[in-house]
Amino acid sequence: MESYTRYERARIIGARALQLSMGAPLLINTVYTEPLEIALEEFEHGVIPITVKRK
């Protein structure tokens, strides 16, 4: 998995949590119900389909 800065990590997880709160489908099976907790678990499993482009 790629190494992200803490700002990139926060942006990815925040964007995914927003998607989940708006009704996006889950990418993993989880016991969590809060969008932020689900997004964190998805990030840890490396399944979030968001990439970072650097200059």
C-alpha atoms as a PDB file:
ATOM      1  CA  MET A   1       0.000   0.000   0.000  1.00  0.00           C
ATOM      2  CA  GLU A   2       1.158   3.513  -0.778  1.00  0.00           C
ATOM      3  CA  SER A   3       2.387   5.758   2.013  1.00  0.00           C
ATOM      4  CA  TYR A   4       0.131   8.763   2.584  1.00  0.00           C
ATOM      5  CA  THR A   5       0.717  11.933   4.556  1.00  0.00           C
ATOM      6  CA  ARG A   6      -1.638  12.515   7.462  1.00  0.00           C
ATOM      7  CA  TYR A   7      -3.425  15.166   5.398  1.00  0.00           C
ATOM      8  CA  GLU A   8      -3.963  12.821   2.464  1.00  0.00           C
ATOM      9  CA  ARG A   9      -5.157  10.102   4.831  1.00  0.00           C
ATOM     10  CA  ALA A  10      -7.623  12.496   6.491  1.00  0.00           C
ATOM     11  CA  ARG A  11      -8.913  13.688   3.116  1.00  0.00           C
ATOM     12  CA  ILE A  12      -9.407  10.170   1.765  1.00  0.00           C
ATOM     13  CA  ILE A  13     -11.178   8.916   4.890  1.00  0.00           C
ATOM     14  CA  GLY A  14     -13.302  12.077   5.134  1.00  0.00           C
ATOM     15  CA  ALA A  15     -14.351  11.878   1.492  1.00  0.00           C
ATOM     16  CA  ARG A  16     -15.245   8.202   1.833  1.00  0.00           C
ATOM     17  CA  ALA A  17     -17.200   8.840   5.052  1.00  0.00           C
ATOM     18  CA  LEU A  18     -19.187  11.524   3.231  1.00  0.00           C
ATOM     19  CA  GLN A  19     -19.918   9.095   0.397  1.00  0.00           C
ATOM     20  CA  LEU A  20     -21.128   6.504   2.901  1.00  0.00           C
ATOM     21  CA  SER A  21     -23.331   9.015   4.716  1.00  0.00           C
ATOM     22  CA  MET A  22     -24.950   9.855   1.361  1.00  0.00           C
ATOM     23  CA  GLY A  23     -25.820   6.195   0.764  1.00  0.00           C
ATOM     24  CA  ALA A  24     -22.827   4.755  -1.104  1.00  0.00           C
ATOM     25  CA  PRO A  25     -22.530   0.958  -0.874  1.00  0.00           C
ATOM     26  CA  LEU A  26     -20.101  -0.560   1.617  1.00  0.00           C
ATOM     27  CA  LEU A  27     -16.962  -2.142   0.169  1.00  0.00           C
ATOM     28  CA  ILE A  28     -16.406  -4.535   3.101  1.00  0.00           C
ATOM     29  CA  ASN A  29     -18.453  -6.453   5.611  1.00  0.00           C
ATOM     30  CA  THR A  30     -18.281  -4.680   8.964  1.00  0.00           C
ATOM     31  CA  VAL A  31     -19.970  -4.495  12.339  1.00  0.00           C
ATOM     32  CA  TYR A  32     -19.725  -0.696  12.417  1.00  0.00           C
ATOM     33  CA  THR A  33     -22.662   1.577  11.598  1.00  0.00           C
ATOM     34  CA  GLU A  34     -21.053   5.036  11.683  1.00  0.00           C
ATOM     35  CA  PRO A  35     -19.748   6.245   8.300  1.00  0.00           C
ATOM     36  CA  LEU A  36     -16.422   7.424   9.751  1.00  0.00           C
ATOM     37  CA  GLU A  37     -15.748   4.085  11.454  1.00  0.00           C
ATOM     38  CA  ILE A  38     -16.617   2.223   8.252  1.00  0.00           C
ATOM     39  CA  ALA A  39     -14.372   4.525   6.201  1.00  0.00           C
ATOM     40  CA  LEU A  40     -11.482   3.954   8.624  1.00  0.00           C
ATOM     41  CA  GLU A  41     -11.886   0.190   8.362  1.00  0.00           C
ATOM     42  CA  GLU A  42     -12.104   0.367   4.558  1.00  0.00           C
ATOM     43  CA  PHE A  43      -8.914   2.472   4.519  1.00  0.00           C
ATOM     44  CA  GLU A  44      -7.108  -0.058   6.715  1.00  0.00           C
ATOM     45  CA  HIS A  45      -8.114  -2.840   4.313  1.00  0.00           C
ATOM     46  CA  GLY A  46      -6.964  -0.752   1.324  1.00  0.00           C
ATOM     47  CA  VAL A  47     -10.242  -0.995  -0.599  1.00  0.00           C
ATOM     48  CA  ILE A  48     -11.165   2.685  -0.961  1.00  0.00           C
ATOM     49  CA  PRO A  49     -11.132   3.522  -4.690  1.00  0.00           C
ATOM     50  CA  ILE A  50      -9.562   6.971  -4.256  1.00  0.00           C
ATOM     51  CA  THR A  51      -6.079   7.822  -5.473  1.00  0.00           C
ATOM     52  CA  VAL A  52      -3.744  10.700  -4.718  1.00  0.00           C
ATOM     53  CA  LYS A  53      -1.956  12.507  -7.530  1.00  0.00           C
ATOM     54  CA  ARG A  54       1.179  14.385  -6.554  1.00  0.00           C
ATOM     55  CA  LYS A  55       3.148  16.875  -8.598  1.00  0.00           C
END
